[in-house]
Amino acid sequence: MEIKSNYKFLSRILIFLSLLSFFLGFYFDENSAGGGSYLGDWSFLWPNLKLFIDNDLYTAITHENLLTNRTPLLYILHAELNPFVDNKIEYRESVFIISFAVPILFYFCLKQKFKIEDNLLLILLTSIIFLSPYFRTSSFWGLEENYGIICLLLSFLFLNYFQEKKDQHGFKIYIQLFLLNLFSSLCIYFDQKLIIIPIICFFTVINSNYKTKIKIFSVITYFIFSLPYIYLIKLWGGIFPVTVTNARRLGDELWLGNFGYAVTIIAFYLLPLLFFKEKNLINTIKDFFLKKNNYYLILLFFIYIAYLLIKSNFFGHSSINVENSDGKGFIHKLSFLIFNENYEAREIFIYFAFLISWIVILIFVDKNFKNIFILLYFFIVSIITHPLMQEYFDPLMIIMIFLFFNLKLFFSYKNVVILFLYLAFFLASSNIYYYNLLN
């Protein structure tokens, strides 16, 4: 009892420190993800925003200087509804305040899914959002990422409510379904990689026990909500403006090396969650290696690594692009810090990290179809996307694991504190890394 009391006291301190660090990060213009500062992504965002303030909608959308890899919905909403949009500092402050919707909604999602868990424990778990370098940077510098996460969380709330209230009839179910389809569709308008959310929501509705007319209503509303984006694609000639299409490479070739990097990034967020398994960590690992089928999955990954090595030798360059420090997540950057210009050692280190990360994912997922489907989506996106950035997974992966993955998680103050400290260390490391890199 005394140990639990100590953990509760520690939890309150950690919650306070996470919130304090968030305010201090904004005050000191923190740049923990590398894309902050007035010389970072802000240098693209602010001119984009001014286009929508100073021009009519059609001119702004089709303007040759529009540089964004997302739809212009965010700029339209700010230009029309944000009274602080004309002043850089006030605009940043307004986005900082709006960003608080993410941890607040995350708490309500956790509360809705894990009803029996301690309230303080869920608040502590919610506070890890404040430790995400990418959530913080987007919040501090008025960037675009957090709006898609807000819609994701609202989608989960309506989806979970839809699944729980199976006895509902009449207009209420249609209003609820309309809002579910609306917010899950908005996920794509704010961030195209979040297309996984409407996919999950759509198939959940289609596979439900509701009447056919409700399912048809869902199909129709999703179609209606897709029309503005279809029109936008027609205007742009693709999912990005022409200027961005030339810089961003999506689907024009397969970046198979990115699969390994995506494995390391995803495993990074899964690793501390192994403590949330019902069995202790040692027994979980033992059980994994006692199953013969798991060795076939490991062998399959050895074949992937062998393919990369053969391709590397054949074409005379690294298939995982160890020479370039752009993107590819923490493992790639760590290889630079440890091995510097020793390309061979860095390549060995990265391949070894690929393998260990693959095993971590296999242990965690435990052959659940829904979990495999979600991870498969992220793997496919990583293969067709260049460059691949860790920001595409953070804090999205943590949110997806707790809300959308089909898992039996064992909650305790000890487990959540371990996760908190793990992510706090990552935040501190990111700040140090980018401070040294950019100063």
Protein backbone atom coordinates (compact mmCIF):
# COMPACT_ATOMS: atom_id res chain seq x y z
CA MET A 1 0.00 0.00 0.00
CA GLU A 2 2.86 2.36 0.84
CA ILE A 3 4.54 1.60 -2.51
CA LYS A 4 1.35 2.51 -4.39
CA SER A 5 1.05 5.70 -2.35
CA ASN A 6 4.63 6.63 -3.31
CA TYR A 7 3.88 5.98 -6.98
CA LYS A 8 0.80 8.23 -6.76
CA PHE A 9 2.87 11.01 -5.25
CA LEU A 10 5.50 10.55 -7.97
CA SER A 11 2.76 10.54 -10.61
CA ARG A 12 1.47 13.93 -9.48
CA ILE A 13 5.00 15.34 -9.67
CA LEU A 14 5.53 13.92 -13.17
CA ILE A 15 2.20 15.28 -14.40
CA PHE A 16 3.10 18.73 -13.09
CA LEU A 17 6.60 18.57 -14.63
CA SER A 18 5.25 17.52 -18.03
CA LEU A 19 2.80 20.42 -18.05
CA LEU A 20 5.45 22.85 -16.78
CA SER A 21 7.91 21.71 -19.47
CA PHE A 22 5.23 22.33 -22.09
CA PHE A 23 4.76 25.95 -21.04
CA LEU A 24 8.52 26.48 -20.70
CA GLY A 25 9.12 24.95 -24.11
CA PHE A 26 6.79 27.49 -25.67
CA TYR A 27 8.29 30.38 -23.70
CA PHE A 28 11.86 29.47 -24.72
CA ASP A 29 10.99 28.71 -28.38
CA GLU A 30 11.94 25.06 -28.08
CA ASN A 31 12.76 23.17 -31.28
CA SER A 32 12.86 19.53 -30.20
CA ALA A 33 11.86 18.09 -33.59
CA GLY A 34 14.20 20.12 -35.81
CA GLY A 35 11.38 21.69 -37.84
CA GLY A 36 10.67 24.53 -35.43
CA SER A 37 12.07 28.08 -35.30
CA TYR A 38 11.30 30.89 -37.73
CA LEU A 39 13.82 29.35 -40.14
CA GLY A 40 12.17 25.91 -40.06
CA ASP A 41 8.72 24.83 -41.24
CA TRP A 42 7.36 28.20 -40.13
CA SER A 43 9.06 29.71 -43.19
CA PHE A 44 6.63 27.70 -45.34
CA LEU A 45 3.55 27.89 -43.11
CA TRP A 46 3.37 31.66 -42.64
CA PRO A 47 3.58 32.55 -46.38
CA ASN A 48 0.94 29.86 -47.06
CA LEU A 49 -1.34 31.40 -44.47
CA LYS A 50 -0.84 34.89 -45.89
CA LEU A 51 -1.91 33.58 -49.31
CA PHE A 52 -5.33 32.69 -47.90
CA ILE A 53 -5.61 35.95 -45.96
CA ASP A 54 -4.73 38.17 -48.92
CA ASN A 55 -6.43 36.30 -51.79
CA ASP A 56 -9.72 34.69 -52.68
CA LEU A 57 -10.02 30.95 -52.09
CA TYR A 58 -9.49 29.76 -55.67
CA THR A 59 -6.45 32.00 -56.20
CA ALA A 60 -4.86 30.84 -52.94
CA ILE A 61 -5.45 27.14 -53.61
CA THR A 62 -3.99 27.30 -57.13
CA HIS A 63 -1.23 29.79 -56.31
CA GLU A 64 2.23 28.81 -57.55
CA ASN A 65 3.78 29.76 -54.20
CA LEU A 66 1.58 27.44 -52.12
CA LEU A 67 3.97 24.98 -50.43
CA THR A 68 2.16 22.32 -48.43
CA ASN A 69 1.88 18.54 -48.46
CA ARG A 70 -1.61 18.69 -46.92
CA THR A 71 -4.95 20.09 -48.05
CA PRO A 72 -5.46 23.85 -47.46
CA LEU A 73 -8.34 23.30 -45.00
CA LEU A 74 -6.23 24.42 -42.04
CA TYR A 75 -5.26 27.69 -43.74
CA ILE A 76 -8.87 28.32 -44.76
CA LEU A 77 -10.13 27.83 -41.21
CA HIS A 78 -7.46 30.05 -39.68
CA ALA A 79 -7.91 32.76 -42.29
CA GLU A 80 -11.69 32.83 -41.74
CA LEU A 81 -12.07 32.04 -38.03
CA ASN A 82 -8.86 32.87 -36.15
CA PRO A 83 -8.95 36.53 -35.00
CA PHE A 84 -5.21 36.42 -34.19
CA VAL A 85 -4.09 35.35 -37.63
CA ASP A 86 -2.49 38.69 -38.60
CA ASN A 87 0.13 38.67 -35.86
CA LYS A 88 2.85 36.01 -35.76
CA ILE A 89 3.17 35.84 -31.98
CA GLU A 90 -0.58 35.91 -31.34
CA TYR A 91 -1.13 33.28 -34.03
CA ARG A 92 1.45 31.00 -32.38
CA GLU A 93 -0.21 31.57 -29.00
CA SER A 94 -3.62 30.66 -30.43
CA VAL A 95 -2.29 27.39 -31.89
CA PHE A 96 -0.56 26.65 -28.58
CA ILE A 97 -3.92 26.96 -26.79
CA ILE A 98 -5.77 24.91 -29.44
CA SER A 99 -3.19 22.14 -29.06
CA PHE A 100 -4.37 21.49 -25.50
CA ALA A 101 -7.34 19.77 -27.12
CA VAL A 102 -5.06 16.80 -27.91
CA PRO A 103 -4.20 15.73 -24.32
CA ILE A 104 -7.71 16.62 -23.12
CA LEU A 105 -9.37 14.47 -25.79
CA PHE A 106 -6.78 11.72 -25.29
CA TYR A 107 -7.75 11.58 -21.62
CA PHE A 108 -11.46 11.22 -22.46
CA CYS A 109 -10.63 8.49 -25.00
CA LEU A 110 -8.59 6.58 -22.41
CA LYS A 111 -11.35 7.08 -19.84
CA GLN A 112 -13.92 5.75 -22.27
CA LYS A 113 -11.87 2.67 -23.21
CA PHE A 114 -10.30 1.81 -19.84
CA LYS A 115 -13.21 2.57 -17.53
CA ILE A 116 -11.97 0.60 -14.52
CA GLU A 117 -8.51 2.13 -14.39
CA ASP A 118 -7.46 4.68 -11.76
CA ASN A 119 -8.22 8.26 -12.81
CA LEU A 120 -4.79 9.52 -11.73
CA LEU A 121 -3.15 6.71 -13.70
CA LEU A 122 -4.99 7.77 -16.86
CA ILE A 123 -4.04 11.43 -16.32
CA LEU A 124 -0.39 10.37 -15.98
CA LEU A 125 -0.71 8.35 -19.18
CA THR A 126 -2.31 11.36 -20.88
CA SER A 127 0.60 13.59 -19.82
CA ILE A 128 3.02 11.65 -22.04
CA ILE A 129 1.56 13.61 -24.97
CA PHE A 130 3.35 16.67 -23.58
CA LEU A 131 6.63 14.76 -24.01
CA SER A 132 6.27 14.23 -27.75
CA PRO A 133 8.90 16.34 -29.59
CA TYR A 134 6.66 16.54 -32.64
CA PHE A 135 3.46 17.46 -30.78
CA ARG A 136 5.43 20.13 -28.90
CA THR A 137 7.09 21.59 -31.99
CA SER A 138 3.80 21.74 -33.86
CA SER A 139 2.14 23.38 -30.82
CA PHE A 140 4.92 25.92 -30.28
CA TRP A 141 5.37 26.95 -33.90
CA GLY A 142 1.81 26.95 -35.20
CA LEU A 143 2.40 23.95 -37.48
CA GLU A 144 -0.15 21.61 -39.03
CA GLU A 145 0.20 18.19 -37.41
CA ASN A 146 -1.98 18.47 -34.30
CA TYR A 147 -5.28 19.14 -36.06
CA GLY A 148 -5.38 15.69 -37.64
CA ILE A 149 -4.75 14.14 -34.22
CA ILE A 150 -7.65 16.15 -32.74
CA CYS A 151 -9.97 14.73 -35.42
CA LEU A 152 -8.53 11.24 -34.85
CA LEU A 153 -9.40 11.43 -31.14
CA LEU A 154 -12.90 12.75 -31.83
CA SER A 155 -13.36 9.90 -34.33
CA PHE A 156 -12.42 7.37 -31.67
CA LEU A 157 -14.89 8.85 -29.17
CA PHE A 158 -17.77 8.63 -31.65
CA LEU A 159 -16.68 5.19 -32.90
CA ASN A 160 -16.45 3.77 -29.40
CA TYR A 161 -19.82 5.26 -28.50
CA PHE A 162 -21.29 3.83 -31.72
CA GLN A 163 -20.06 0.36 -30.80
CA GLU A 164 -21.26 0.54 -27.18
CA LYS A 165 -24.78 1.91 -27.83
CA LYS A 166 -25.98 -0.90 -30.08
CA ASP A 167 -29.58 -0.53 -28.96
CA GLN A 168 -29.93 3.01 -30.30
CA HIS A 169 -32.62 3.84 -32.86
CA GLY A 170 -34.03 6.86 -34.66
CA PHE A 171 -32.34 10.09 -35.63
CA LYS A 172 -29.75 9.95 -32.80
CA ILE A 173 -27.84 7.11 -34.44
CA TYR A 174 -27.71 9.05 -37.73
CA ILE A 175 -26.40 12.21 -36.04
CA GLN A 176 -23.79 10.14 -34.24
CA LEU A 177 -22.79 8.34 -37.43
CA PHE A 178 -22.69 11.65 -39.34
CA LEU A 179 -20.25 13.09 -36.78
CA LEU A 180 -18.14 9.90 -36.84
CA ASN A 181 -17.87 10.06 -40.64
CA LEU A 182 -17.25 13.82 -40.58
CA PHE A 183 -14.34 13.79 -38.12
CA SER A 184 -12.76 10.65 -39.58
CA SER A 185 -12.94 12.26 -43.04
CA LEU A 186 -11.40 15.47 -41.67
CA CYS A 187 -8.42 13.37 -40.56
CA ILE A 188 -7.44 13.09 -44.23
CA TYR A 189 -8.04 16.79 -44.91
CA PHE A 190 -5.63 17.69 -42.11
CA ASP A 191 -3.12 14.87 -42.72
CA GLN A 192 -3.38 12.38 -45.59
CA LYS A 193 -1.49 9.61 -43.79
CA LEU A 194 -4.42 9.43 -41.34
CA ILE A 195 -6.53 7.75 -44.02
CA ILE A 196 -6.19 4.66 -41.82
CA ILE A 197 -8.74 6.24 -39.42
CA PRO A 198 -11.71 6.49 -41.85
CA ILE A 199 -10.78 3.03 -43.14
CA ILE A 200 -11.05 1.57 -39.61
CA CYS A 201 -14.25 3.51 -38.91
CA PHE A 202 -15.86 2.57 -42.22
CA PHE A 203 -15.22 -1.17 -41.91
CA THR A 204 -16.30 -1.14 -38.26
CA VAL A 205 -19.66 0.29 -39.32
CA ILE A 206 -20.00 -2.04 -42.31
CA ASN A 207 -19.24 -5.10 -40.18
CA SER A 208 -21.57 -4.03 -37.38
CA ASN A 209 -25.00 -5.51 -36.66
CA TYR A 210 -26.82 -2.31 -37.56
CA LYS A 211 -29.45 -2.28 -40.31
CA THR A 212 -28.44 -1.98 -43.95
CA LYS A 213 -29.88 1.52 -44.29
CA ILE A 214 -27.48 2.77 -41.61
CA LYS A 215 -24.55 1.26 -43.51
CA ILE A 216 -25.77 2.84 -46.76
CA PHE A 217 -26.01 6.19 -44.96
CA SER A 218 -22.36 5.78 -43.95
CA VAL A 219 -21.29 5.04 -47.53
CA ILE A 220 -23.17 8.08 -48.85
CA THR A 221 -21.80 10.50 -46.25
CA TYR A 222 -18.22 9.31 -46.80
CA PHE A 223 -18.70 9.84 -50.54
CA ILE A 224 -20.05 13.37 -50.00
CA PHE A 225 -17.17 14.23 -47.66
CA SER A 226 -14.67 13.02 -50.27
CA LEU A 227 -15.94 15.34 -53.03
CA PRO A 228 -13.98 18.48 -51.99
CA TYR A 229 -10.75 16.49 -51.98
CA ILE A 230 -11.54 14.96 -55.37
CA TYR A 231 -12.06 18.48 -56.71
CA LEU A 232 -8.80 19.60 -55.08
CA ILE A 233 -6.90 16.75 -56.76
CA LYS A 234 -8.37 17.87 -60.07
CA LEU A 235 -7.16 21.44 -59.46
CA TRP A 236 -3.67 20.36 -58.38
CA GLY A 237 -3.29 17.45 -60.77
CA GLY A 238 -2.35 15.26 -57.78
CA ILE A 239 -2.68 15.02 -54.00
CA PHE A 240 -0.08 17.81 -53.56
CA PRO A 241 0.39 21.19 -55.29
CA VAL A 242 2.74 20.96 -58.28
CA THR A 243 5.62 22.65 -56.41
CA VAL A 244 5.41 20.10 -53.60
CA THR A 245 4.84 17.15 -55.93
CA ASN A 246 8.20 17.90 -57.51
CA ALA A 247 9.91 17.84 -54.09
CA ARG A 248 7.91 15.08 -52.37
CA ARG A 249 8.13 11.61 -53.85
CA LEU A 250 5.03 9.56 -53.08
CA GLY A 251 4.44 6.33 -54.94
CA ASP A 252 6.78 7.03 -57.85
CA GLU A 253 9.00 4.15 -56.69
CA LEU A 254 9.35 1.70 -53.81
CA TRP A 255 11.77 2.73 -51.06
CA LEU A 256 12.34 -0.72 -49.59
CA GLY A 257 15.02 0.53 -47.19
CA ASN A 258 12.35 2.68 -45.56
CA PHE A 259 10.58 -0.47 -44.39
CA GLY A 260 13.47 -1.27 -42.05
CA TYR A 261 13.57 2.27 -40.72
CA ALA A 262 9.79 2.19 -40.14
CA VAL A 263 10.29 -1.05 -38.18
CA THR A 264 12.83 0.66 -35.90
CA ILE A 265 10.62 3.71 -35.35
CA ILE A 266 7.52 1.64 -34.53
CA ALA A 267 9.50 -0.71 -32.27
CA PHE A 268 10.82 2.34 -30.42
CA TYR A 269 7.28 3.09 -29.19
CA LEU A 270 6.38 -0.56 -28.61
CA LEU A 271 9.46 -1.42 -26.54
CA PRO A 272 8.39 0.20 -23.21
CA LEU A 273 4.88 -1.15 -23.72
CA LEU A 274 6.16 -4.70 -23.42
CA PHE A 275 5.92 -4.01 -19.67
CA PHE A 276 2.15 -3.61 -20.16
CA LYS A 277 1.83 -7.25 -21.21
CA GLU A 278 -0.10 -9.52 -18.87
CA LYS A 279 2.95 -11.73 -18.30
CA ASN A 280 6.26 -10.31 -17.11
CA LEU A 281 8.79 -9.36 -19.75
CA ILE A 282 11.04 -12.43 -19.36
CA ASN A 283 8.13 -14.88 -19.71
CA THR A 284 6.75 -12.94 -22.67
CA ILE A 285 10.07 -13.24 -24.50
CA LYS A 286 10.41 -16.94 -23.57
CA ASP A 287 6.92 -17.71 -24.88
CA PHE A 288 7.73 -15.96 -28.13
CA PHE A 289 10.84 -18.05 -28.82
CA LEU A 290 9.07 -21.29 -27.86
CA LYS A 291 6.70 -20.92 -30.81
CA LYS A 292 8.14 -22.37 -34.01
CA ASN A 293 6.10 -20.16 -36.34
CA ASN A 294 7.88 -17.09 -35.02
CA TYR A 295 11.18 -18.37 -36.39
CA TYR A 296 9.69 -18.35 -39.91
CA LEU A 297 8.77 -14.68 -39.47
CA ILE A 298 12.31 -13.92 -38.29
CA LEU A 299 13.71 -15.86 -41.26
CA LEU A 300 11.49 -13.81 -43.56
CA PHE A 301 13.11 -10.65 -42.22
CA PHE A 302 16.60 -12.14 -42.75
CA ILE A 303 15.60 -12.58 -46.40
CA TYR A 304 14.64 -8.89 -46.52
CA ILE A 305 18.04 -7.87 -45.09
CA ALA A 306 19.80 -10.22 -47.51
CA TYR A 307 17.92 -8.59 -50.38
CA LEU A 308 19.07 -5.14 -49.25
CA LEU A 309 22.67 -6.35 -48.98
CA ILE A 310 22.59 -7.94 -52.44
CA LYS A 311 21.01 -4.84 -53.95
CA SER A 312 23.62 -2.67 -52.21
CA ASN A 313 26.53 -4.68 -53.60
CA PHE A 314 25.00 -4.90 -57.05
CA PHE A 315 24.34 -1.19 -57.47
CA GLY A 316 27.43 -0.06 -55.54
CA HIS A 317 25.59 2.08 -52.96
CA SER A 318 23.82 1.49 -49.68
CA SER A 319 20.18 0.41 -50.03
CA ILE A 320 19.41 2.05 -46.70
CA ASN A 321 21.18 5.29 -47.61
CA VAL A 322 23.53 5.51 -44.63
CA GLU A 323 25.35 8.47 -46.19
CA ASN A 324 22.35 10.81 -45.88
CA SER A 325 21.31 12.08 -42.43
CA ASP A 326 17.88 13.37 -43.52
CA GLY A 327 14.94 11.66 -41.84
CA LYS A 328 14.72 7.89 -41.25
CA GLY A 329 14.27 8.16 -37.51
CA PHE A 330 16.33 7.96 -34.35
CA ILE A 331 18.35 4.82 -35.20
CA HIS A 332 19.78 6.43 -38.32
CA LYS A 333 20.76 9.57 -36.41
CA LEU A 334 22.18 7.48 -33.57
CA SER A 335 24.38 5.65 -36.07
CA PHE A 336 25.87 9.01 -37.10
CA LEU A 337 26.60 9.92 -33.48
CA ILE A 338 28.26 6.57 -32.69
CA PHE A 339 30.13 5.74 -35.89
CA ASN A 340 30.47 9.13 -37.61
CA GLU A 341 31.96 8.57 -41.10
CA ASN A 342 32.48 4.80 -40.74
CA TYR A 343 29.80 3.81 -43.24
CA GLU A 344 30.38 0.05 -42.98
CA ALA A 345 30.02 0.03 -39.18
CA ARG A 346 26.94 2.23 -39.41
CA GLU A 347 25.37 -0.09 -41.96
CA ILE A 348 25.97 -3.15 -39.75
CA PHE A 349 24.55 -1.29 -36.75
CA ILE A 350 21.43 -0.26 -38.68
CA TYR A 351 20.77 -3.77 -40.05
CA PHE A 352 21.15 -5.20 -36.53
CA ALA A 353 18.69 -2.57 -35.24
CA PHE A 354 16.27 -3.58 -38.02
CA LEU A 355 16.36 -7.20 -36.84
CA ILE A 356 15.98 -6.50 -33.11
CA SER A 357 13.15 -4.06 -33.82
CA TRP A 358 11.37 -6.65 -35.95
CA ILE A 359 11.49 -9.13 -33.07
CA VAL A 360 10.09 -6.48 -30.68
CA ILE A 361 7.16 -5.91 -33.05
CA LEU A 362 6.47 -9.64 -33.40
CA ILE A 363 6.47 -10.10 -29.62
CA PHE A 364 4.12 -7.19 -29.10
CA VAL A 365 1.61 -7.77 -31.90
CA ASP A 366 1.13 -11.47 -31.10
CA LYS A 367 -0.52 -12.27 -34.47
CA ASN A 368 -3.67 -10.22 -33.89
CA PHE A 369 -5.30 -9.41 -37.24
CA LYS A 370 -6.34 -5.83 -36.44
CA ASN A 371 -2.88 -4.97 -35.10
CA ILE A 372 -1.22 -6.53 -38.15
CA PHE A 373 -3.54 -4.57 -40.46
CA ILE A 374 -2.68 -1.24 -38.81
CA LEU A 375 1.06 -1.94 -38.86
CA LEU A 376 0.88 -3.17 -42.45
CA TYR A 377 -0.67 0.15 -43.42
CA PHE A 378 2.20 2.11 -41.84
CA PHE A 379 4.75 -0.20 -43.49
CA ILE A 380 3.18 0.32 -46.92
CA VAL A 381 3.10 4.10 -46.41
CA SER A 382 6.78 4.07 -45.42
CA ILE A 383 7.76 2.15 -48.57
CA ILE A 384 6.05 4.59 -50.95
CA THR A 385 7.05 7.78 -49.05
CA HIS A 386 10.26 9.75 -49.40
CA PRO A 387 11.65 11.18 -47.25
CA LEU A 388 10.55 9.08 -44.26
CA MET A 389 10.41 11.05 -41.00
CA GLN A 390 9.92 9.95 -37.40
CA GLU A 391 7.42 12.79 -37.02
CA TYR A 392 5.01 10.71 -39.14
CA PHE A 393 4.78 8.27 -36.20
CA ASP A 394 5.01 10.52 -33.13
CA PRO A 395 2.81 10.86 -31.09
CA LEU A 396 0.50 9.04 -33.50
CA MET A 397 1.88 5.56 -32.76
CA ILE A 398 1.39 5.87 -28.98
CA ILE A 399 -2.19 7.07 -29.51
CA MET A 400 -2.94 4.28 -32.00
CA ILE A 401 -1.54 1.60 -29.68
CA PHE A 402 -3.65 2.59 -26.70
CA LEU A 403 -6.85 3.35 -28.60
CA PHE A 404 -7.06 1.35 -31.83
CA PHE A 405 -4.85 -1.71 -31.30
CA ASN A 406 -6.56 -4.86 -30.06
CA LEU A 407 -4.47 -5.55 -26.95
CA LYS A 408 -4.81 -6.75 -23.39
CA LEU A 409 -2.80 -4.18 -21.47
CA PHE A 410 -1.91 -4.50 -17.82
CA PHE A 411 -1.91 -1.06 -16.21
CA SER A 412 0.09 -0.16 -13.13
CA TYR A 413 1.72 3.00 -11.83
CA LYS A 414 5.12 1.38 -12.28
CA ASN A 415 4.48 0.59 -15.96
CA VAL A 416 3.18 4.06 -16.78
CA VAL A 417 6.03 5.75 -14.91
CA ILE A 418 8.53 3.66 -16.91
CA LEU A 419 6.83 4.78 -20.14
CA PHE A 420 6.84 8.40 -18.96
CA LEU A 421 10.56 8.39 -18.10
CA TYR A 422 11.39 6.58 -21.37
CA LEU A 423 9.67 9.28 -23.44
CA ALA A 424 11.05 12.07 -21.23
CA PHE A 425 14.55 10.80 -22.01
CA PHE A 426 13.71 10.79 -25.72
CA LEU A 427 12.50 14.41 -25.48
CA ALA A 428 15.65 15.51 -23.65
CA SER A 429 17.84 13.68 -26.21
CA SER A 430 15.96 15.29 -29.11
CA ASN A 431 16.42 18.75 -27.63
CA ILE A 432 20.15 18.20 -27.12
CA TYR A 433 20.58 16.71 -30.60
CA TYR A 434 18.85 19.53 -32.46
CA TYR A 435 20.36 22.23 -30.27
CA ASN A 436 23.87 21.00 -31.12
CA LEU A 437 22.95 20.47 -34.77
CA LEU A 438 21.35 23.87 -35.36
CA ASN A 439 23.55 26.09 -33.17
